[in-house]
C-alpha atoms as a PDB file:
ATOM      1  CA  MET A   1      -0.001   0.002  -0.001  1.00  0.00           C
ATOM      2  CA  ARG A   2       1.290   3.458  -0.864  1.00  0.00           C
ATOM      3  CA  ARG A   3       2.395   5.631   2.022  1.00  0.00           C
ATOM      4  CA  GLY A   4      -0.426   8.167   1.590  1.00  0.00           C
ATOM      5  CA  GLY A   5      -3.079   5.453   1.607  1.00  0.00           C
ATOM      6  CA  LEU A   6      -1.461   3.770   4.596  1.00  0.00           C
ATOM      7  CA  SER A   7      -1.444   7.060   6.524  1.00  0.00           C
ATOM      8  CA  ALA A   8      -5.137   7.599   5.761  1.00  0.00           C
ATOM      9  CA  LEU A   9      -5.935   4.050   6.888  1.00  0.00           C
ATOM     10  CA  ARG A  10      -4.000   4.608  10.097  1.00  0.00           C
ATOM     11  CA  GLN A  11      -5.891   7.808  10.899  1.00  0.00           C
ATOM     12  CA  ALA A  12      -9.245   6.214  10.112  1.00  0.00           C
ATOM     13  CA  ASP A  13      -8.381   3.216  12.302  1.00  0.00           C
ATOM     14  CA  THR A  14      -7.373   5.503  15.169  1.00  0.00           C
ATOM     15  CA  LEU A  15     -10.541   7.608  14.994  1.00  0.00           C
ATOM     16  CA  LEU A  16     -12.747   4.504  14.855  1.00  0.00           C
ATOM     17  CA  ALA A  17     -11.003   2.964  17.865  1.00  0.00           C
ATOM     18  CA  TRP A  18     -11.353   6.152  19.931  1.00  0.00           C
ATOM     19  CA  VAL A  19     -15.060   6.509  19.157  1.00  0.00           C
ATOM     20  CA  LEU A  20     -16.214   2.890  19.196  1.00  0.00           C
ATOM     21  CA  LEU A  21     -14.197   1.666  22.179  1.00  0.00           C
ATOM     22  CA  GLY A  22     -15.101   4.803  24.116  1.00  0.00           C
ATOM     23  CA  TRP A  23     -18.788   4.287  23.415  1.00  0.00           C
ATOM     24  CA  LEU A  24     -18.693   0.604  24.370  1.00  0.00           C
ATOM     25  CA  GLY A  25     -16.702   1.437  27.472  1.00  0.00           C
ATOM     26  CA  GLN A  26     -19.373   3.873  28.605  1.00  0.00           C
ATOM     27  CA  ARG A  27     -22.066   1.210  28.105  1.00  0.00           C
ATOM     28  CA  LEU A  28     -20.274  -1.783  29.632  1.00  0.00           C
ATOM     29  CA  GLY A  29     -17.584  -0.479  31.952  1.00  0.00           C
ATOM     30  CA  TRP A  30     -18.778   2.741  33.535  1.00  0.00           C
ATOM     31  CA  SER A  31     -18.070   1.462  37.049  1.00  0.00           C
ATOM     32  CA  LEU A  32     -14.366   1.060  36.193  1.00  0.00           C
ATOM     33  CA  ALA A  33     -12.497   4.337  35.515  1.00  0.00           C
ATOM     34  CA  SER A  34     -15.688   5.936  34.166  1.00  0.00           C
ATOM     35  CA  GLY A  35     -15.656   3.697  31.105  1.00  0.00           C
ATOM     36  CA  VAL A  36     -12.382   4.927  29.557  1.00  0.00           C
ATOM     37  CA  LEU A  37     -10.435   1.746  30.360  1.00  0.00           C
ATOM     38  CA  PRO A  38     -10.944   0.086  26.898  1.00  0.00           C
ATOM     39  CA  VAL A  39      -9.512   3.183  25.177  1.00  0.00           C
ATOM     40  CA  VAL A  40      -6.653   3.351  27.687  1.00  0.00           C
ATOM     41  CA  LEU A  41      -5.794  -0.310  27.078  1.00  0.00           C
ATOM     42  CA  TRP A  42      -5.962   0.039  23.280  1.00  0.00           C
ATOM     43  CA  TRP A  43      -3.855   3.196  23.398  1.00  0.00           C
ATOM     44  CA  THR A  44      -1.246   1.669  25.725  1.00  0.00           C
ATOM     45  CA  VAL A  45      -0.806  -1.408  23.546  1.00  0.00           C
ATOM     46  CA  ARG A  46      -0.625   0.741  20.415  1.00  0.00           C
ATOM     47  CA  CYS A  47       2.068   3.027  21.816  1.00  0.00           C
ATOM     48  CA  ALA A  48       4.080   0.282  23.515  1.00  0.00           C
ATOM     49  CA  SER A  49       4.026  -2.054  20.525  1.00  0.00           C
ATOM     50  CA  ALA A  50       4.557   0.380  17.644  1.00  0.00           C
ATOM     51  CA  SER A  51       8.359   0.281  17.686  1.00  0.00           C
ATOM     52  CA  ALA A  52       8.477  -3.501  18.082  1.00  0.00           C
ATOM     53  CA  SER A  53       5.916  -3.949  15.296  1.00  0.00           C
ATOM     54  CA  ALA A  54       8.229  -2.137  12.886  1.00  0.00           C
ATOM     55  CA  ASN A  55      10.715  -4.964  13.312  1.00  0.00           C
ATOM     56  CA  VAL A  56       8.618  -8.094  13.775  1.00  0.00           C
ATOM     57  CA  THR A  57       5.397  -7.549  11.840  1.00  0.00           C
ATOM     58  CA  GLY A  58       6.519  -5.754   8.703  1.00  0.00           C
ATOM     59  CA  ARG A  59       5.159  -8.684   6.662  1.00  0.00           C
ATOM     60  CA  GLY A  60       2.832 -11.579   7.215  1.00  0.00           C
ATOM     61  CA  PRO A  61      -0.722 -12.182   8.408  1.00  0.00           C
ATOM     62  CA  VAL A  62      -0.203 -11.521  12.125  1.00  0.00           C
ATOM     63  CA  PRO A  63      -1.613  -7.936  12.228  1.00  0.00           C
ATOM     64  CA  LEU A  64      -4.709  -8.960  10.248  1.00  0.00           C
ATOM     65  CA  VAL A  65      -5.279 -11.872  12.627  1.00  0.00           C
ATOM     66  CA  LEU A  66      -5.233  -9.407  15.512  1.00  0.00           C
ATOM     67  CA  LEU A  67      -7.863  -7.244  13.835  1.00  0.00           C
ATOM     68  CA  LEU A  68     -10.062 -10.227  13.034  1.00  0.00           C
ATOM     69  CA  GLY A  69      -9.786 -11.421  16.619  1.00  0.00           C
ATOM     70  CA  ALA A  70     -10.724  -8.004  17.940  1.00  0.00           C
ATOM     71  CA  TRP A  71     -13.798  -7.703  15.735  1.00  0.00           C
ATOM     72  CA  THR A  72     -14.851 -11.272  16.547  1.00  0.00           C
ATOM     73  CA  LEU A  73     -14.864 -10.405  20.223  1.00  0.00           C
ATOM     74  CA  LEU A  74     -16.699  -7.143  19.585  1.00  0.00           C
ATOM     75  CA  GLY A  75     -19.293  -9.012  17.540  1.00  0.00           C
ATOM     76  CA  SER A  76     -19.864 -11.439  20.414  1.00  0.00           C
ATOM     77  CA  LEU A  77     -20.748  -8.685  22.883  1.00  0.00           C
ATOM     78  CA  PRO A  78     -24.528  -8.687  22.142  1.00  0.00           C
ATOM     79  CA  ALA A  79     -24.648 -12.417  22.913  1.00  0.00           C
ATOM     80  CA  LEU A  80     -22.821 -12.095  26.220  1.00  0.00           C
ATOM     81  CA  PRO A  81     -24.587 -11.231  29.472  1.00  0.00           C
ATOM     82  CA  SER A  82     -23.882  -7.706  30.626  1.00  0.00           C
ATOM     83  CA  GLY A  83     -21.370  -7.540  33.420  1.00  0.00           C
ATOM     84  CA  GLN A  84     -17.912  -9.013  33.861  1.00  0.00           C
ATOM     85  CA  ALA A  85     -18.042 -11.342  30.841  1.00  0.00           C
ATOM     86  CA  ALA A  86     -18.834  -8.549  28.407  1.00  0.00           C
ATOM     87  CA  LEU A  87     -16.255  -6.227  29.957  1.00  0.00           C
ATOM     88  CA  VAL A  88     -13.512  -8.869  29.777  1.00  0.00           C
ATOM     89  CA  ALA A  89     -14.338  -9.526  26.112  1.00  0.00           C
ATOM     90  CA  LEU A  90     -14.258  -5.779  25.410  1.00  0.00           C
ATOM     91  CA  LEU A  91     -10.876  -5.364  27.099  1.00  0.00           C
ATOM     92  CA  ALA A  92      -9.449  -8.344  25.190  1.00  0.00           C
ATOM     93  CA  ALA A  93     -10.742  -6.858  21.934  1.00  0.00           C
ATOM     94  CA  SER A  94      -9.148  -3.517  22.846  1.00  0.00           C
ATOM     95  CA  ALA A  95      -5.751  -5.152  23.390  1.00  0.00           C
ATOM     96  CA  LEU A  96      -5.921  -7.044  20.075  1.00  0.00           C
ATOM     97  CA  TRP A  97      -7.020  -3.915  18.243  1.00  0.00           C
ATOM     98  CA  GLY A  98      -4.118  -2.041  19.814  1.00  0.00           C
ATOM     99  CA  GLY A  99      -1.719  -4.594  18.343  1.00  0.00           C
ATOM    100  CA  TRP A 100      -3.224  -4.080  14.883  1.00  0.00           C
ATOM    101  CA  SER A 101      -3.068  -0.294  15.231  1.00  0.00           C
ATOM    102  CA  ALA A 102       0.560  -0.534  16.328  1.00  0.00           C
ATOM    103  CA  SER A 103       1.426  -2.403  13.134  1.00  0.00           C
ATOM    104  CA  LEU A 104      -0.206   0.332  11.039  1.00  0.00           C
ATOM    105  CA  ALA A 105       1.685   3.009  12.952  1.00  0.00           C
ATOM    106  CA  ALA A 106       4.984   1.181  12.478  1.00  0.00           C
ATOM    107  CA  ARG A 107       4.467   0.684   8.745  1.00  0.00           C
ATOM    108  CA  SER A 108       3.652   4.358   8.252  1.00  0.00           C
ATOM    109  CA  GLY A 109       6.629   5.480  10.347  1.00  0.00           C
ATOM    110  CA  ASP A 110       4.541   6.830  13.227  1.00  0.00           C
ATOM    111  CA  THR A 111       6.475   5.265  16.100  1.00  0.00           C
ATOM    112  CA  THR A 112       7.427   8.358  18.135  1.00  0.00           C
ATOM    113  CA  PRO A 113       4.776   9.651  20.564  1.00  0.00           C
ATOM    114  CA  THR A 114       4.421  13.423  20.414  1.00  0.00           C
ATOM    115  CA  LEU A 115       2.664  15.866  22.691  1.00  0.00           C
ATOM    116  CA  PRO A 116       0.061  16.886  20.051  1.00  0.00           C
ATOM    117  CA  GLY A 117      -0.702  13.221  19.458  1.00  0.00           C
ATOM    118  CA  GLN A 118      -1.141  12.568  23.165  1.00  0.00           C
ATOM    119  CA  ALA A 119      -3.410  15.599  23.421  1.00  0.00           C
ATOM    120  CA  MET A 120      -5.621  14.288  20.625  1.00  0.00           C
ATOM    121  CA  GLY A 121      -5.840  10.963  22.383  1.00  0.00           C
ATOM    122  CA  LEU A 122      -7.064  12.744  25.492  1.00  0.00           C
ATOM    123  CA  MET A 123      -9.653  14.692  23.508  1.00  0.00           C
ATOM    124  CA  MET A 124     -11.047  11.686  21.651  1.00  0.00           C
ATOM    125  CA  GLY A 125     -10.603   9.202  24.485  1.00  0.00           C
ATOM    126  CA  SER A 126     -12.687  11.355  26.814  1.00  0.00           C
ATOM    127  CA  LEU A 127     -15.305  12.117  24.137  1.00  0.00           C
ATOM    128  CA  TRP A 128     -18.177  10.125  25.632  1.00  0.00           C
ATOM    129  CA  LEU A 129     -17.193  11.076  29.168  1.00  0.00           C
ATOM    130  CA  SER A 130     -16.968  14.800  28.612  1.00  0.00           C
ATOM    131  CA  GLY A 131     -19.251  15.731  25.709  1.00  0.00           C
ATOM    132  CA  GLN A 132     -21.573  17.829  27.840  1.00  0.00           C
ATOM    133  CA  TRP A 133     -18.731  19.242  29.915  1.00  0.00           C
ATOM    134  CA  CYS A 134     -16.824  20.569  26.897  1.00  0.00           C
ATOM    135  CA  LEU A 135     -19.662  21.794  24.722  1.00  0.00           C
ATOM    136  CA  GLY A 136     -22.285  22.761  27.259  1.00  0.00           C
ATOM    137  CA  PRO A 137     -25.929  21.706  27.500  1.00  0.00           C
ATOM    138  CA  GLY A 138     -28.050  21.198  24.404  1.00  0.00           C
ATOM    139  CA  TRP A 139     -25.563  19.111  22.406  1.00  0.00           C
ATOM    140  CA  THR A 140     -26.621  15.594  21.467  1.00  0.00           C
ATOM    141  CA  ASP A 141     -24.166  12.695  21.401  1.00  0.00           C
ATOM    142  CA  ALA A 142     -24.346  12.625  17.604  1.00  0.00           C
ATOM    143  CA  GLN A 143     -23.497  16.323  17.381  1.00  0.00           C
ATOM    144  CA  ALA A 144     -20.572  15.961  19.791  1.00  0.00           C
ATOM    145  CA  VAL A 145     -19.171  12.984  17.875  1.00  0.00           C
ATOM    146  CA  GLY A 146     -19.673  14.755  14.565  1.00  0.00           C
ATOM    147  CA  LEU A 147     -17.808  17.835  15.792  1.00  0.00           C
ATOM    148  CA  HIS A 148     -14.860  15.805  17.079  1.00  0.00           C
ATOM    149  CA  LEU A 149     -14.626  13.689  13.924  1.00  0.00           C
ATOM    150  CA  GLY A 150     -15.010  16.779  11.763  1.00  0.00           C
ATOM    151  CA  LEU A 151     -12.064  18.401  13.492  1.00  0.00           C
ATOM    152  CA  MET A 152      -9.911  15.280  13.425  1.00  0.00           C
ATOM    153  CA  ALA A 153     -10.614  14.441   9.787  1.00  0.00           C
ATOM    154  CA  GLY A 154     -11.374  17.866   8.301  1.00  0.00           C
ATOM    155  CA  LEU A 155      -8.389  19.857   9.531  1.00  0.00           C
ATOM    156  CA  PRO A 156      -5.751  17.431   8.140  1.00  0.00           C
ATOM    157  CA  LEU A 157      -7.533  17.514   4.777  1.00  0.00           C
ATOM    158  CA  LEU A 158      -7.656  21.322   4.871  1.00  0.00           C
ATOM    159  CA  TRP A 159      -3.968  21.514   5.704  1.00  0.00           C
ATOM    160  CA  THR A 160      -3.114  19.149   2.840  1.00  0.00           C
ATOM    161  CA  ALA A 161      -5.202  21.217   0.417  1.00  0.00           C
ATOM    162  CA  LEU A 162      -3.449  24.419   1.510  1.00  0.00           C
ATOM    163  CA  ARG A 163      -0.054  22.831   1.000  1.00  0.00           C
ATOM    164  CA  LEU A 164      -0.918  21.528  -2.448  1.00  0.00           C
ATOM    165  CA  GLY A 165      -2.402  24.852  -3.504  1.00  0.00           C
ATOM    166  CA  ARG A 166       0.752  26.872  -2.843  1.00  0.00           C
ATOM    167  CA  ARG A 167       3.772  27.221  -5.074  1.00  0.00           C
ATOM    168  CA  GLN A 168       6.032  27.601  -2.081  1.00  0.00           C
ATOM    169  CA  PRO A 169       5.816  24.755   0.443  1.00  0.00           C
ATOM    170  CA  LEU A 170       4.288  25.582   3.806  1.00  0.00           C
ATOM    171  CA  GLN A 171       6.713  24.915   6.609  1.00  0.00           C
ATOM    172  CA  VAL A 172       5.683  24.719  10.252  1.00  0.00           C
ATOM    173  CA  SER A 173       8.207  24.240  13.019  1.00  0.00           C
ATOM    174  CA  VAL A 174       7.768  22.130  16.108  1.00  0.00           C
ATOM    175  CA  LEU A 175       7.894  25.326  18.153  1.00  0.00           C
ATOM    176  CA  GLN A 176       4.946  26.847  16.248  1.00  0.00           C
ATOM    177  CA  GLN A 177       3.008  23.596  16.554  1.00  0.00           C
ATOM    178  CA  THR A 178       3.626  23.483  20.301  1.00  0.00           C
ATOM    179  CA  VAL A 179       2.551  27.114  20.762  1.00  0.00           C
ATOM    180  CA  LEU A 180      -0.784  26.267  19.095  1.00  0.00           C
ATOM    181  CA  LEU A 181      -1.185  23.253  21.345  1.00  0.00           C
ATOM    182  CA  ALA A 182      -0.379  25.246  24.486  1.00  0.00           C
ATOM    183  CA  ALA A 183      -2.993  27.873  23.614  1.00  0.00           C
ATOM    184  CA  GLY A 184      -5.626  25.246  22.800  1.00  0.00           C
ATOM    185  CA  ALA A 185      -4.995  23.164  25.899  1.00  0.00           C
ATOM    186  CA  LEU A 186      -5.116  26.134  28.262  1.00  0.00           C
ATOM    187  CA  LEU A 187      -8.358  27.371  26.663  1.00  0.00           C
ATOM    188  CA  MET A 188      -9.876  23.919  27.207  1.00  0.00           C
ATOM    189  CA  ALA A 189      -8.798  24.069  30.848  1.00  0.00           C
ATOM    190  CA  TRP A 190     -10.641  27.356  31.318  1.00  0.00           C
ATOM    191  CA  PRO A 191     -13.653  26.886  33.641  1.00  0.00           C
ATOM    192  CA  ASP A 192     -17.253  27.567  32.653  1.00  0.00           C
ATOM    193  CA  ALA A 193     -16.621  28.900  29.158  1.00  0.00           C
ATOM    194  CA  ALA A 194     -17.959  26.627  26.421  1.00  0.00           C
ATOM    195  CA  GLY A 195     -16.989  29.081  23.688  1.00  0.00           C
ATOM    196  CA  TRP A 196     -13.364  29.213  24.819  1.00  0.00           C
ATOM    197  CA  ARG A 197     -13.218  25.438  25.083  1.00  0.00           C
ATOM    198  CA  LEU A 198     -14.575  25.094  21.562  1.00  0.00           C
ATOM    199  CA  ALA A 199     -11.852  27.454  20.327  1.00  0.00           C
ATOM    200  CA  GLY A 200      -9.325  25.406  22.280  1.00  0.00           C
ATOM    201  CA  MET A 201     -10.506  22.221  20.568  1.00  0.00           C
ATOM    202  CA  VAL A 202      -9.922  23.820  17.168  1.00  0.00           C
ATOM    203  CA  LEU A 203      -6.408  25.001  18.084  1.00  0.00           C
ATOM    204  CA  ALA A 204      -5.411  21.653  19.601  1.00  0.00           C
ATOM    205  CA  ALA A 205      -6.767  19.743  16.610  1.00  0.00           C
ATOM    206  CA  LEU A 206      -4.958  22.110  14.256  1.00  0.00           C
ATOM    207  CA  ALA A 207      -1.683  21.533  16.085  1.00  0.00           C
ATOM    208  CA  TRP A 208      -2.165  17.792  15.684  1.00  0.00           C
ATOM    209  CA  SER A 209      -2.993  18.170  11.979  1.00  0.00           C
ATOM    210  CA  LEU A 210       0.131  20.127  11.031  1.00  0.00           C
ATOM    211  CA  GLU A 211       2.996  18.217   9.483  1.00  0.00           C
ATOM    212  CA  VAL A 212       6.353  19.281  10.834  1.00  0.00           C
ATOM    213  CA  PRO A 213       9.805  18.303   9.529  1.00  0.00           C
ATOM    214  CA  PRO A 214      11.501  15.466  11.412  1.00  0.00           C
ATOM    215  CA  GLU A 215      13.808  16.528  14.178  1.00  0.00           C
ATOM    216  CA  PRO A 216      17.392  15.328  14.579  1.00  0.00           C
ATOM    217  CA  ALA A 217      17.637  12.360  16.911  1.00  0.00           C
ATOM    218  CA  ASP A 218      20.299  14.106  19.003  1.00  0.00           C
ATOM    219  CA  ARG A 219      18.360  17.348  19.425  1.00  0.00           C
ATOM    220  CA  PRO A 220      17.357  17.838  23.080  1.00  0.00           C
ATOM    221  CA  LEU A 221      14.341  19.999  22.277  1.00  0.00           C
ATOM    222  CA  CYS A 222      11.526  18.095  20.634  1.00  0.00           C
ATOM    223  CA  SER A 223       7.861  17.332  21.076  1.00  0.00           C
ATOM    224  CA  ARG A 224       8.534  13.684  21.943  1.00  0.00           C
ATOM    225  CA  VAL A 225       6.995  12.473  25.156  1.00  0.00           C
ATOM    226  CA  PRO A 226       6.890   9.171  27.073  1.00  0.00           C
ATOM    227  CA  ALA A 227       4.599   6.702  25.337  1.00  0.00           C
ATOM    228  CA  GLY A 228       2.537   6.198  28.468  1.00  0.00           C
ATOM    229  CA  LEU A 229       1.811   9.874  29.143  1.00  0.00           C
ATOM    230  CA  GLY A 230      -1.476  10.094  27.237  1.00  0.00           C
ATOM    231  CA  PRO A 231      -2.961   6.806  28.526  1.00  0.00           C
ATOM    232  CA  ALA A 232      -1.948   7.699  32.085  1.00  0.00           C
ATOM    233  CA  VAL A 233      -3.589  11.135  31.887  1.00  0.00           C
ATOM    234  CA  LEU A 234      -6.769   9.658  30.371  1.00  0.00           C
ATOM    235  CA  LEU A 235      -6.946   6.933  33.015  1.00  0.00           C
ATOM    236  CA  SER A 236      -6.432   9.490  35.792  1.00  0.00           C
ATOM    237  CA  THR A 237      -9.220  11.616  34.309  1.00  0.00           C
ATOM    238  CA  GLY A 238     -11.569   8.643  34.320  1.00  0.00           C
ATOM    239  CA  LEU A 239     -10.695   7.771  37.912  1.00  0.00           C
ATOM    240  CA  MET A 240     -11.192  11.339  39.140  1.00  0.00           C
ATOM    241  CA  ALA A 241     -14.336  12.114  37.110  1.00  0.00           C
ATOM    242  CA  PRO A 242     -16.900  10.585  39.527  1.00  0.00           C
ATOM    243  CA  THR A 243     -15.572  12.805  42.316  1.00  0.00           C
ATOM    244  CA  LEU A 244     -14.426  15.955  40.545  1.00  0.00           C
ATOM    245  CA  GLY A 245     -16.731  16.018  37.521  1.00  0.00           C
ATOM    246  CA  PRO A 246     -15.656  18.517  34.822  1.00  0.00           C
ATOM    247  CA  LEU A 247     -12.711  19.627  36.955  1.00  0.00           C
ATOM    248  CA  ALA A 248     -10.965  16.306  36.244  1.00  0.00           C
ATOM    249  CA  LEU A 249     -10.779  17.063  32.541  1.00  0.00           C
ATOM    250  CA  GLN A 250      -9.813  20.684  33.143  1.00  0.00           C
ATOM    251  CA  VAL A 251      -6.896  19.511  35.291  1.00  0.00           C
ATOM    252  CA  ALA A 252      -5.822  17.114  32.532  1.00  0.00           C
ATOM    253  CA  TRP A 253      -5.857  19.847  29.892  1.00  0.00           C
ATOM    254  CA  GLY A 254      -4.100  22.206  32.255  1.00  0.00           C
ATOM    255  CA  LEU A 255      -1.318  19.638  32.570  1.00  0.00           C
ATOM    256  CA  ILE A 256      -1.024  19.312  28.777  1.00  0.00           C
ATOM    257  CA  GLY A 257      -0.939  23.101  28.440  1.00  0.00           C
ATOM    258  CA  LEU A 258       1.787  23.459  31.079  1.00  0.00           C
ATOM    259  CA  LEU A 259       3.889  20.764  29.416  1.00  0.00           C
ATOM    260  CA  ALA A 260       3.530  22.545  26.086  1.00  0.00           C
ATOM    261  CA  LEU A 261       4.495  25.862  27.680  1.00  0.00           C
ATOM    262  CA  ALA A 262       7.537  24.211  29.244  1.00  0.00           C
ATOM    263  CA  TRP A 263       8.663  23.034  25.782  1.00  0.00           C
ATOM    264  CA  VAL A 264       8.121  26.533  24.371  1.00  0.00           C
ATOM    265  CA  ALA A 265      10.116  28.123  27.196  1.00  0.00           C
ATOM    266  CA  ARG A 266      12.896  25.615  26.730  1.00  0.00           C
ATOM    267  CA  ALA A 267      12.956  26.324  23.007  1.00  0.00           C
ATOM    268  CA  GLY A 268      13.316  30.040  23.649  1.00  0.00           C
ATOM    269  CA  PHE A 269      16.110  29.436  26.135  1.00  0.00           C
ATOM    270  CA  GLN A 270      18.014  27.142  23.769  1.00  0.00           C
ATOM    271  CA  ARG A 271      17.600  29.514  20.846  1.00  0.00           C
ATOM    272  CA  GLY A 272      18.987  32.331  22.965  1.00  0.00           C
ATOM    273  CA  ALA A 273      21.900  30.186  24.092  1.00  0.00           C
ATOM    274  CA  ALA A 274      22.643  29.227  20.481  1.00  0.00           C
ATOM    275  CA  VAL A 275      23.000  32.853  19.305  1.00  0.00           C
ATOM    276  CA  PRO A 276      26.705  33.790  19.208  1.00  0.00           C
ATOM    277  CA  PRO A 277      27.648  36.736  21.425  1.00  0.00           C
ATOM    278  CA  LEU A 278      28.085  40.146  19.832  1.00  0.00           C
ATOM    279  CA  ARG A 279      31.665  40.995  19.025  1.00  0.00           C
ATOM    280  CA  ARG A 280      33.095  43.969  20.788  1.00  0.00           C
ATOM    281  CA  TRP A 281      35.385  46.588  19.253  1.00  0.00           C
ATOM    282  CA  ARG A 282      38.310  45.348  21.260  1.00  0.00           C
ATOM    283  CA  ASP A 283      37.743  41.828  19.935  1.00  0.00           C
ATOM    284  CA  ALA A 284      38.062  43.087  16.363  1.00  0.00           C
ATOM    285  CA  ALA A 285      41.286  44.939  17.069  1.00  0.00           C
END
């Protein structure tokens, strides 16, 4: 499969996993981490296995077997009694699906977790938990899902169209991408302001959509983050939600915003340190 088609398949697979596993988690596993555990498990397996999949599953039927196993378990859910049996089947399906998603990520070269990617996982992973918190009353589930999917799918397409329509290539640095993410995350952490949170969603999704040039492996400043950061933040949000309500998600976005600001501040410091000192008249003598 060509790289562009593989990238589109990977994004479609990721969006479907976030939405479907989140929805099933809310129905079958609300009592455990507010229903986000299937998404957390899928996400953890995907991130942890992506690098290994690049080496061991580049060819062969193993990834497809994982996907077939996941969908077989998902298809069996209506026949299972609600309760522990259905939840165990859902979690097993999430783990198998994570293995399949990891193979797609490895084949498309997406094996390095980034802060914008972790932020998008938080946004989509908490979709069913926080739809009313983020958007305010009056939004239906279908409208909330449509808005999230529209942002996740529409903004990358818009960015691609803008790049193709210009004679000069559009270049976005990691610093600019992280500034967008910081602004979006902090707006989403703002209390009792649905309009600001909606603007924050757009900025965070835009930061995720932008393609930035690869960074040197030895460069200390980058948007790379530990693979478990996003799943850990999402799981913590689910655990705190029954007690804190909307504040749990605001704290999570505040953390993402502060991390992004820390990267921006570090970038400014390193850029300043990299500028050679001005030569004095006595040095030129």
